Amino acid sequence: MYSPAVCNDVFHYAGLIHTPTMMCAGYEAGGRDACQGDSGGPLVCQAVGSDQWQLQGLVSWGFGCGQPRFPGVYARVLPVMGWIRTEMAQLNRV
């Protein structure tokens, strides 16, 4: 995962990454990435010092698939967890 500053300044996104709700992740050299049809899929990372995996983001968009210097762009999960929980609770009442 890269900071929004790195995504916007070092990679080719030039201000397209909205800091609070988006992040980019991938390999600078490319080769591995989410692609068409993967939108909404999970970005999971292993917790530091643990064998547990944590949901960090959801596939949002990118330029091509696995292109060098174009990491995938993901929606951050943590800033919207309250909204997700509220929506899920509403679904359980139906």
PDB file of N, CA and C in Angstrom:
ATOM      1  N   MET A   1       0.847  -1.171   0.000  1.00  0.00           N
ATOM      2  CA  MET A   1       0.000   0.000   0.000  1.00  0.00           C
ATOM      3  C   MET A   1       0.894   1.236   0.000  1.00  0.00           C
ATOM      4  N   TYR A   2       0.427   2.237  -0.677  1.00  0.00           N
ATOM      5  CA  TYR A   2       1.169   3.489  -0.758  1.00  0.00           C
ATOM      6  C   TYR A   2       0.338   4.619  -0.152  1.00  0.00           C
ATOM      7  N   SER A   3       1.005   5.605   0.383  1.00  0.00           N
ATOM      8  CA  SER A   3       0.296   6.767   0.912  1.00  0.00           C
ATOM      9  C   SER A   3      -0.324   7.538  -0.253  1.00  0.00           C
ATOM     10  N   PRO A   4      -1.401   8.296   0.015  1.00  0.00           N
ATOM     11  CA  PRO A   4      -1.983   9.114  -1.059  1.00  0.00           C
ATOM     12  C   PRO A   4      -0.973  10.085  -1.666  1.00  0.00           C
ATOM     13  N   ALA A   5      -0.068  10.604  -0.849  1.00  0.00           N
ATOM     14  CA  ALA A   5       0.945  11.524  -1.383  1.00  0.00           C
ATOM     15  C   ALA A   5       1.817  10.829  -2.413  1.00  0.00           C
ATOM     16  N   VAL A   6       2.219   9.595  -2.134  1.00  0.00           N
ATOM     17  CA  VAL A   6       3.032   8.835  -3.088  1.00  0.00           C
ATOM     18  C   VAL A   6       2.208   8.518  -4.329  1.00  0.00           C
ATOM     19  N   CYS A   7       0.963   8.106  -4.139  1.00  0.00           N
ATOM     20  CA  CYS A   7       0.102   7.804  -5.293  1.00  0.00           C
ATOM     21  C   CYS A   7      -0.035   9.014  -6.202  1.00  0.00           C
ATOM     22  N   ASN A   8      -0.247  10.168  -5.602  1.00  0.00           N
ATOM     23  CA  ASN A   8      -0.492  11.379  -6.384  1.00  0.00           C
ATOM     24  C   ASN A   8       0.769  11.997  -6.960  1.00  0.00           C
ATOM     25  N   ASP A   9       1.882  11.905  -6.245  1.00  0.00           N
ATOM     26  CA  ASP A   9       3.095  12.607  -6.662  1.00  0.00           C
ATOM     27  C   ASP A   9       4.086  11.736  -7.421  1.00  0.00           C
ATOM     28  N   VAL A  10       4.317  10.533  -6.930  1.00  0.00           N
ATOM     29  CA  VAL A  10       5.341   9.672  -7.523  1.00  0.00           C
ATOM     30  C   VAL A  10       4.777   8.881  -8.693  1.00  0.00           C
ATOM     31  N   PHE A  11       3.577   8.335  -8.518  1.00  0.00           N
ATOM     32  CA  PHE A  11       2.956   7.593  -9.601  1.00  0.00           C
ATOM     33  C   PHE A  11       2.228   8.584 -10.502  1.00  0.00           C
ATOM     34  N   HIS A  12       1.520   8.098 -11.452  1.00  0.00           N
ATOM     35  CA  HIS A  12       0.941   8.955 -12.484  1.00  0.00           C
ATOM     36  C   HIS A  12      -0.479   9.438 -12.180  1.00  0.00           C
ATOM     37  N   TYR A  13      -0.900   9.424 -10.921  1.00  0.00           N
ATOM     38  CA  TYR A  13      -2.284   9.772 -10.620  1.00  0.00           C
ATOM     39  C   TYR A  13      -2.518  11.265 -10.428  1.00  0.00           C
ATOM     40  N   ALA A  14      -1.492  12.051 -10.202  1.00  0.00           N
ATOM     41  CA  ALA A  14      -1.526  13.525 -10.217  1.00  0.00           C
ATOM     42  C   ALA A  14      -2.780  14.137  -9.599  1.00  0.00           C
ATOM     43  N   GLY A  15      -3.031  13.816  -8.341  1.00  0.00           N
ATOM     44  CA  GLY A  15      -4.137  14.437  -7.628  1.00  0.00           C
ATOM     45  C   GLY A  15      -5.467  13.724  -7.715  1.00  0.00           C
ATOM     46  N   LEU A  16      -5.537  12.581  -8.380  1.00  0.00           N
ATOM     47  CA  LEU A  16      -6.800  11.859  -8.512  1.00  0.00           C
ATOM     48  C   LEU A  16      -7.165  11.049  -7.271  1.00  0.00           C
ATOM     49  N   ILE A  17      -6.200  10.805  -6.389  1.00  0.00           N
ATOM     50  CA  ILE A  17      -6.466  10.004  -5.194  1.00  0.00           C
ATOM     51  C   ILE A  17      -6.974  10.925  -4.095  1.00  0.00           C
ATOM     52  N   HIS A  18      -8.226  10.717  -3.678  1.00  0.00           N
ATOM     53  CA  HIS A  18      -8.850  11.506  -2.616  1.00  0.00           C
ATOM     54  C   HIS A  18      -8.427  10.897  -1.281  1.00  0.00           C
ATOM     55  N   THR A  19      -7.635  11.621  -0.530  1.00  0.00           N
ATOM     56  CA  THR A  19      -6.935  11.111   0.649  1.00  0.00           C
ATOM     57  C   THR A  19      -7.785  10.341   1.655  1.00  0.00           C
ATOM     58  N   PRO A  20      -8.901  10.881   2.165  1.00  0.00           N
ATOM     59  CA  PRO A  20      -9.585  10.175   3.254  1.00  0.00           C
ATOM     60  C   PRO A  20     -10.253   8.867   2.845  1.00  0.00           C
ATOM     61  N   THR A  21     -10.629   8.737   1.596  1.00  0.00           N
ATOM     62  CA  THR A  21     -11.440   7.585   1.217  1.00  0.00           C
ATOM     63  C   THR A  21     -10.788   6.643   0.217  1.00  0.00           C
ATOM     64  N   MET A  22      -9.615   6.987  -0.286  1.00  0.00           N
ATOM     65  CA  MET A  22      -8.985   6.166  -1.314  1.00  0.00           C
ATOM     66  C   MET A  22      -7.521   5.907  -0.985  1.00  0.00           C
ATOM     67  N   MET A  23      -7.008   4.824  -1.536  1.00  0.00           N
ATOM     68  CA  MET A  23      -5.585   4.507  -1.413  1.00  0.00           C
ATOM     69  C   MET A  23      -5.193   3.710  -2.645  1.00  0.00           C
ATOM     70  N   CYS A  24      -3.899   3.597  -2.871  1.00  0.00           N
ATOM     71  CA  CYS A  24      -3.462   2.734  -3.962  1.00  0.00           C
ATOM     72  C   CYS A  24      -2.529   1.667  -3.402  1.00  0.00           C
ATOM     73  N   ALA A  25      -2.520   0.556  -4.077  1.00  0.00           N
ATOM     74  CA  ALA A  25      -1.712  -0.578  -3.643  1.00  0.00           C
ATOM     75  C   ALA A  25      -1.314  -1.379  -4.870  1.00  0.00           C
ATOM     76  N   GLY A  26      -0.165  -1.979  -4.788  1.00  0.00           N
ATOM     77  CA  GLY A  26       0.319  -2.795  -5.885  1.00  0.00           C
ATOM     78  C   GLY A  26       1.827  -2.833  -5.893  1.00  0.00           C
ATOM     79  N   TYR A  27       2.372  -3.200  -7.016  1.00  0.00           N
ATOM     80  CA  TYR A  27       3.810  -3.331  -7.187  1.00  0.00           C
ATOM     81  C   TYR A  27       4.280  -2.276  -8.177  1.00  0.00           C
ATOM     82  N   GLU A  28       5.311  -1.530  -7.802  1.00  0.00           N
ATOM     83  CA  GLU A  28       5.805  -0.472  -8.681  1.00  0.00           C
ATOM     84  C   GLU A  28       6.156  -1.013 -10.063  1.00  0.00           C
ATOM     85  N   ALA A  29       6.687  -2.231 -10.105  1.00  0.00           N
ATOM     86  CA  ALA A  29       7.063  -2.838 -11.379  1.00  0.00           C
ATOM     87  C   ALA A  29       5.861  -3.388 -12.145  1.00  0.00           C
ATOM     88  N   GLY A  30       4.682  -3.407 -11.499  1.00  0.00           N
ATOM     89  CA  GLY A  30       3.494  -3.950 -12.153  1.00  0.00           C
ATOM     90  C   GLY A  30       3.479  -5.463 -12.100  1.00  0.00           C
ATOM     91  N   GLY A  31       2.685  -6.067 -12.958  1.00  0.00           N
ATOM     92  CA  GLY A  31       2.648  -7.516 -13.060  1.00  0.00           C
ATOM     93  C   GLY A  31       1.532  -8.185 -12.280  1.00  0.00           C
ATOM     94  N   ARG A  32       1.105  -7.592 -11.158  1.00  0.00           N
ATOM     95  CA  ARG A  32       0.004  -8.152 -10.369  1.00  0.00           C
ATOM     96  C   ARG A  32      -0.935  -7.013 -10.006  1.00  0.00           C
ATOM     97  N   ASP A  33      -2.229  -7.261 -10.182  1.00  0.00           N
ATOM     98  CA  ASP A  33      -3.186  -6.188  -9.935  1.00  0.00           C
ATOM     99  C   ASP A  33      -4.596  -6.754 -10.037  1.00  0.00           C
ATOM    100  N   ALA A  34      -5.558  -5.989  -9.538  1.00  0.00           N
ATOM    101  CA  ALA A  34      -6.950  -6.277  -9.836  1.00  0.00           C
ATOM    102  C   ALA A  34      -7.190  -5.852 -11.286  1.00  0.00           C
ATOM    103  N   CYS A  35      -8.251  -6.376 -11.887  1.00  0.00           N
ATOM    104  CA  CYS A  35      -8.508  -6.064 -13.290  1.00  0.00           C
ATOM    105  C   CYS A  35     -10.013  -5.909 -13.510  1.00  0.00           C
ATOM    106  N   GLN A  36     -10.421  -5.755 -14.758  1.00  0.00           N
ATOM    107  CA  GLN A  36     -11.836  -5.618 -15.059  1.00  0.00           C
ATOM    108  C   GLN A  36     -12.597  -6.794 -14.456  1.00  0.00           C
ATOM    109  N   GLY A  37     -13.731  -6.492 -13.843  1.00  0.00           N
ATOM    110  CA  GLY A  37     -14.554  -7.517 -13.214  1.00  0.00           C
ATOM    111  C   GLY A  37     -14.232  -7.744 -11.751  1.00  0.00           C
ATOM    112  N   ASP A  38     -13.155  -7.152 -11.255  1.00  0.00           N
ATOM    113  CA  ASP A  38     -12.758  -7.333  -9.857  1.00  0.00           C
ATOM    114  C   ASP A  38     -13.315  -6.253  -8.933  1.00  0.00           C
ATOM    115  N   SER A  39     -13.980  -5.245  -9.474  1.00  0.00           N
ATOM    116  CA  SER A  39     -14.475  -4.129  -8.663  1.00  0.00           C
ATOM    117  C   SER A  39     -15.312  -4.629  -7.496  1.00  0.00           C
ATOM    118  N   GLY A  40     -15.064  -4.046  -6.324  1.00  0.00           N
ATOM    119  CA  GLY A  40     -15.763  -4.453  -5.110  1.00  0.00           C
ATOM    120  C   GLY A  40     -15.087  -5.588  -4.374  1.00  0.00           C
ATOM    121  N   GLY A  41     -14.097  -6.206  -4.999  1.00  0.00           N
ATOM    122  CA  GLY A  41     -13.363  -7.291  -4.356  1.00  0.00           C
ATOM    123  C   GLY A  41     -12.467  -6.769  -3.244  1.00  0.00           C
ATOM    124  N   PRO A  42     -12.011  -7.662  -2.365  1.00  0.00           N
ATOM    125  CA  PRO A  42     -11.260  -7.231  -1.182  1.00  0.00           C
ATOM    126  C   PRO A  42      -9.771  -7.005  -1.426  1.00  0.00           C
ATOM    127  N   LEU A  43      -9.230  -6.052  -0.682  1.00  0.00           N
ATOM    128  CA  LEU A  43      -7.784  -5.900  -0.511  1.00  0.00           C
ATOM    129  C   LEU A  43      -7.531  -6.254   0.945  1.00  0.00           C
ATOM    130  N   VAL A  44      -6.873  -7.374   1.183  1.00  0.00           N
ATOM    131  CA  VAL A  44      -6.598  -7.811   2.548  1.00  0.00           C
ATOM    132  C   VAL A  44      -5.101  -7.793   2.795  1.00  0.00           C
ATOM    133  N   CYS A  45      -4.729  -7.489   4.035  1.00  0.00           N
ATOM    134  CA  CYS A  45      -3.330  -7.436   4.439  1.00  0.00           C
ATOM    135  C   CYS A  45      -3.182  -8.194   5.746  1.00  0.00           C
ATOM    136  N   GLN A  46      -2.061  -8.867   5.891  1.00  0.00           N
ATOM    137  CA  GLN A  46      -1.808  -9.575   7.135  1.00  0.00           C
ATOM    138  C   GLN A  46      -1.441  -8.566   8.218  1.00  0.00           C
ATOM    139  N   ALA A  47      -2.089  -8.702   9.373  1.00  0.00           N
ATOM    140  CA  ALA A  47      -1.815  -7.809  10.497  1.00  0.00           C
ATOM    141  C   ALA A  47      -0.385  -8.025  10.977  1.00  0.00           C
ATOM    142  N   VAL A  48       0.289  -6.938  11.311  1.00  0.00           N
ATOM    143  CA  VAL A  48       1.676  -6.997  11.771  1.00  0.00           C
ATOM    144  C   VAL A  48       1.756  -7.847  13.034  1.00  0.00           C
ATOM    145  N   GLY A  49       2.664  -8.814  13.036  1.00  0.00           N
ATOM    146  CA  GLY A  49       2.878  -9.668  14.196  1.00  0.00           C
ATOM    147  C   GLY A  49       1.749 -10.639  14.469  1.00  0.00           C
ATOM    148  N   SER A  50       0.945 -10.944  13.467  1.00  0.00           N
ATOM    149  CA  SER A  50      -0.213 -11.806  13.667  1.00  0.00           C
ATOM    150  C   SER A  50      -0.394 -12.718  12.460  1.00  0.00           C
ATOM    151  N   ASP A  51      -1.175 -13.776  12.666  1.00  0.00           N
ATOM    152  CA  ASP A  51      -1.518 -14.631  11.531  1.00  0.00           C
ATOM    153  C   ASP A  51      -2.897 -14.263  10.978  1.00  0.00           C
ATOM    154  N   GLN A  52      -3.478 -13.174  11.478  1.00  0.00           N
ATOM    155  CA  GLN A  52      -4.790 -12.734  11.020  1.00  0.00           C
ATOM    156  C   GLN A  52      -4.666 -11.777   9.833  1.00  0.00           C
ATOM    157  N   TRP A  53      -5.677 -11.838   8.988  1.00  0.00           N
ATOM    158  CA  TRP A  53      -5.746 -10.960   7.824  1.00  0.00           C
ATOM    159  C   TRP A  53      -6.859  -9.950   8.046  1.00  0.00           C
ATOM    160  N   GLN A  54      -6.657  -8.732   7.563  1.00  0.00           N
ATOM    161  CA  GLN A  54      -7.624  -7.658   7.766  1.00  0.00           C
ATOM    162  C   GLN A  54      -8.038  -7.050   6.433  1.00  0.00           C
ATOM    163  N   LEU A  55      -9.336  -6.774   6.323  1.00  0.00           N
ATOM    164  CA  LEU A  55      -9.850  -6.084   5.145  1.00  0.00           C
ATOM    165  C   LEU A  55      -9.439  -4.623   5.223  1.00  0.00           C
ATOM    166  N   GLN A  56      -8.707  -4.147   4.231  1.00  0.00           N
ATOM    167  CA  GLN A  56      -8.242  -2.759   4.200  1.00  0.00           C
ATOM    168  C   GLN A  56      -8.955  -1.922   3.149  1.00  0.00           C
ATOM    169  N   GLY A  57      -9.342  -2.549   2.044  1.00  0.00           N
ATOM    170  CA  GLY A  57      -9.946  -1.778   0.969  1.00  0.00           C
ATOM    171  C   GLY A  57     -10.769  -2.639   0.038  1.00  0.00           C
ATOM    172  N   LEU A  58     -11.464  -1.967  -0.867  1.00  0.00           N
ATOM    173  CA  LEU A  58     -12.252  -2.626  -1.902  1.00  0.00           C
ATOM    174  C   LEU A  58     -11.791  -2.100  -3.252  1.00  0.00           C
ATOM    175  N   VAL A  59     -11.634  -3.014  -4.207  1.00  0.00           N
ATOM    176  CA  VAL A  59     -11.171  -2.635  -5.545  1.00  0.00           C
ATOM    177  C   VAL A  59     -12.101  -1.564  -6.105  1.00  0.00           C
ATOM    178  N   SER A  60     -11.503  -0.463  -6.563  1.00  0.00           N
ATOM    179  CA  SER A  60     -12.290   0.635  -7.110  1.00  0.00           C
ATOM    180  C   SER A  60     -11.982   0.852  -8.592  1.00  0.00           C
ATOM    181  N   TRP A  61     -10.753   1.267  -8.914  1.00  0.00           N
ATOM    182  CA  TRP A  61     -10.414   1.547 -10.313  1.00  0.00           C
ATOM    183  C   TRP A  61      -8.902   1.543 -10.503  1.00  0.00           C
ATOM    184  N   GLY A  62      -8.480   1.699 -11.719  1.00  0.00           N
ATOM    185  CA  GLY A  62      -7.067   1.786 -12.059  1.00  0.00           C
ATOM    186  C   GLY A  62      -6.927   2.024 -13.551  1.00  0.00           C
ATOM    187  N   PHE A  63      -5.694   2.163 -13.990  1.00  0.00           N
ATOM    188  CA  PHE A  63      -5.405   2.312 -15.413  1.00  0.00           C
ATOM    189  C   PHE A  63      -4.797   1.008 -15.898  1.00  0.00           C
ATOM    190  N   GLY A  64      -5.553   0.263 -16.688  1.00  0.00           N
ATOM    191  CA  GLY A  64      -5.066  -1.025 -17.153  1.00  0.00           C
ATOM    192  C   GLY A  64      -5.005  -2.020 -16.010  1.00  0.00           C
ATOM    193  N   CYS A  65      -4.272  -3.089 -16.242  1.00  0.00           N
ATOM    194  CA  CYS A  65      -4.129  -4.147 -15.241  1.00  0.00           C
ATOM    195  C   CYS A  65      -2.652  -4.493 -15.100  1.00  0.00           C
ATOM    196  N   GLY A  66      -2.113  -4.267 -13.926  1.00  0.00           N
ATOM    197  CA  GLY A  66      -0.729  -4.633 -13.665  1.00  0.00           C
ATOM    198  C   GLY A  66       0.294  -3.807 -14.419  1.00  0.00           C
ATOM    199  N   GLN A  67      -0.060  -2.579 -14.763  1.00  0.00           N
ATOM    200  CA  GLN A  67       0.868  -1.714 -15.488  1.00  0.00           C
ATOM    201  C   GLN A  67       1.926  -1.144 -14.546  1.00  0.00           C
ATOM    202  N   PRO A  68       3.190  -1.101 -14.961  1.00  0.00           N
ATOM    203  CA  PRO A  68       4.222  -0.491 -14.113  1.00  0.00           C
ATOM    204  C   PRO A  68       3.855   0.953 -13.763  1.00  0.00           C
ATOM    205  N   ARG A  69       4.069   1.312 -12.505  1.00  0.00           N
ATOM    206  CA  ARG A  69       3.840   2.662 -11.977  1.00  0.00           C
ATOM    207  C   ARG A  69       2.378   3.096 -11.999  1.00  0.00           C
ATOM    208  N   PHE A  70       1.460   2.146 -12.143  1.00  0.00           N
ATOM    209  CA  PHE A  70       0.029   2.411 -12.039  1.00  0.00           C
ATOM    210  C   PHE A  70      -0.595   1.410 -11.071  1.00  0.00           C
ATOM    211  N   PRO A  71      -0.344   1.553  -9.765  1.00  0.00           N
ATOM    212  CA  PRO A  71      -0.951   0.621  -8.809  1.00  0.00           C
ATOM    213  C   PRO A  71      -2.475   0.765  -8.820  1.00  0.00           C
ATOM    214  N   GLY A  72      -3.160  -0.280  -8.374  1.00  0.00           N
ATOM    215  CA  GLY A  72      -4.615  -0.239  -8.308  1.00  0.00           C
ATOM    216  C   GLY A  72      -5.097   0.765  -7.272  1.00  0.00           C
ATOM    217  N   VAL A  73      -6.301   1.285  -7.487  1.00  0.00           N
ATOM    218  CA  VAL A  73      -6.896   2.245  -6.559  1.00  0.00           C
ATOM    219  C   VAL A  73      -8.040   1.546  -5.825  1.00  0.00           C
ATOM    220  N   TYR A  74      -8.063   1.740  -4.514  1.00  0.00           N
ATOM    221  CA  TYR A  74      -9.002   1.049  -3.638  1.00  0.00           C
ATOM    222  C   TYR A  74      -9.763   2.043  -2.772  1.00  0.00           C
ATOM    223  N   ALA A  75     -11.007   1.701  -2.455  1.00  0.00           N
ATOM    224  CA  ALA A  75     -11.778   2.471  -1.476  1.00  0.00           C
ATOM    225  C   ALA A  75     -11.352   1.992  -0.094  1.00  0.00           C
ATOM    226  N   ARG A  76     -11.010   2.917   0.778  1.00  0.00           N
ATOM    227  CA  ARG A  76     -10.647   2.562   2.153  1.00  0.00           C
ATOM    228  C   ARG A  76     -11.900   2.091   2.893  1.00  0.00           C
ATOM    229  N   VAL A  77     -11.776   1.035   3.681  1.00  0.00           N
ATOM    230  CA  VAL A  77     -12.912   0.490   4.415  1.00  0.00           C
ATOM    231  C   VAL A  77     -13.109   1.201   5.752  1.00  0.00           C
ATOM    232  N   LEU A  78     -12.045   1.459   6.474  1.00  0.00           N
ATOM    233  CA  LEU A  78     -12.161   2.005   7.827  1.00  0.00           C
ATOM    234  C   LEU A  78     -12.986   3.294   7.915  1.00  0.00           C
ATOM    235  N   PRO A  79     -12.791   4.281   7.025  1.00  0.00           N
ATOM    236  CA  PRO A  79     -13.576   5.513   7.154  1.00  0.00           C
ATOM    237  C   PRO A  79     -15.086   5.331   6.977  1.00  0.00           C
ATOM    238  N   VAL A  80     -15.516   4.238   6.376  1.00  0.00           N
ATOM    239  CA  VAL A  80     -16.946   4.030   6.134  1.00  0.00           C
ATOM    240  C   VAL A  80     -17.524   2.848   6.911  1.00  0.00           C
ATOM    241  N   MET A  81     -16.781   2.346   7.895  1.00  0.00           N
ATOM    242  CA  MET A  81     -17.271   1.195   8.668  1.00  0.00           C
ATOM    243  C   MET A  81     -18.589   1.494   9.368  1.00  0.00           C
ATOM    244  N   GLY A  82     -18.749   2.684   9.909  1.00  0.00           N
ATOM    245  CA  GLY A  82     -20.017   3.036  10.556  1.00  0.00           C
ATOM    246  C   GLY A  82     -21.181   2.933   9.591  1.00  0.00           C
ATOM    247  N   TRP A  83     -20.995   3.467   8.390  1.00  0.00           N
ATOM    248  CA  TRP A  83     -22.032   3.400   7.369  1.00  0.00           C
ATOM    249  C   TRP A  83     -22.314   1.950   6.980  1.00  0.00           C
ATOM    250  N   ILE A  84     -21.277   1.141   6.804  1.00  0.00           N
ATOM    251  CA  ILE A  84     -21.457  -0.273   6.442  1.00  0.00           C
ATOM    252  C   ILE A  84     -22.272  -0.984   7.516  1.00  0.00           C
ATOM    253  N   ARG A  85     -21.924  -0.776   8.776  1.00  0.00           N
ATOM    254  CA  ARG A  85     -22.652  -1.433   9.873  1.00  0.00           C
ATOM    255  C   ARG A  85     -24.118  -0.996   9.907  1.00  0.00           C
ATOM    256  N   THR A  86     -24.366   0.290   9.697  1.00  0.00           N
ATOM    257  CA  THR A  86     -25.743   0.787   9.682  1.00  0.00           C
ATOM    258  C   THR A  86     -26.537   0.147   8.554  1.00  0.00           C
ATOM    259  N   GLU A  87     -25.953   0.095   7.371  1.00  0.00           N
ATOM    260  CA  GLU A  87     -26.641  -0.497   6.221  1.00  0.00           C
ATOM    261  C   GLU A  87     -26.895  -1.987   6.425  1.00  0.00           C
ATOM    262  N   MET A  88     -25.929  -2.684   6.985  1.00  0.00           N
ATOM    263  CA  MET A  88     -26.101  -4.119   7.237  1.00  0.00           C
ATOM    264  C   MET A  88     -27.203  -4.354   8.275  1.00  0.00           C
ATOM    265  N   ALA A  89     -27.266  -3.506   9.295  1.00  0.00           N
ATOM    266  CA  ALA A  89     -28.319  -3.628  10.305  1.00  0.00           C
ATOM    267  C   ALA A  89     -29.692  -3.406   9.668  1.00  0.00           C
ATOM    268  N   GLN A  90     -29.783  -2.452   8.750  1.00  0.00           N
ATOM    269  CA  GLN A  90     -31.047  -2.196   8.049  1.00  0.00           C
ATOM    270  C   GLN A  90     -31.472  -3.422   7.250  1.00  0.00           C
ATOM    271  N   LEU A  91     -30.526  -4.067   6.602  1.00  0.00           N
ATOM    272  CA  LEU A  91     -30.841  -5.265   5.815  1.00  0.00           C
ATOM    273  C   LEU A  91     -31.349  -6.385   6.699  1.00  0.00           C
ATOM    274  N   ASN A  92     -30.820  -6.501   7.894  1.00  0.00           N
ATOM    275  CA  ASN A  92     -31.242  -7.565   8.809  1.00  0.00           C
ATOM    276  C   ASN A  92     -32.664  -7.356   9.316  1.00  0.00           C
ATOM    277  N   ARG A  93     -33.185  -6.139   9.232  1.00  0.00           N
ATOM    278  CA  ARG A  93     -34.550  -5.855   9.685  1.00  0.00           C
ATOM    279  C   ARG A  93     -35.589  -6.164   8.616  1.00  0.00           C
ATOM    280  N   VAL A  94     -35.172  -6.306   7.385  1.00  0.00           N
ATOM    281  CA  VAL A  94     -36.120  -6.521   6.281  1.00  0.00           C
ATOM    282  C   VAL A  94     -36.595  -7.943   6.271  1.00  0.00           C
TER     283      VAL A  94
END
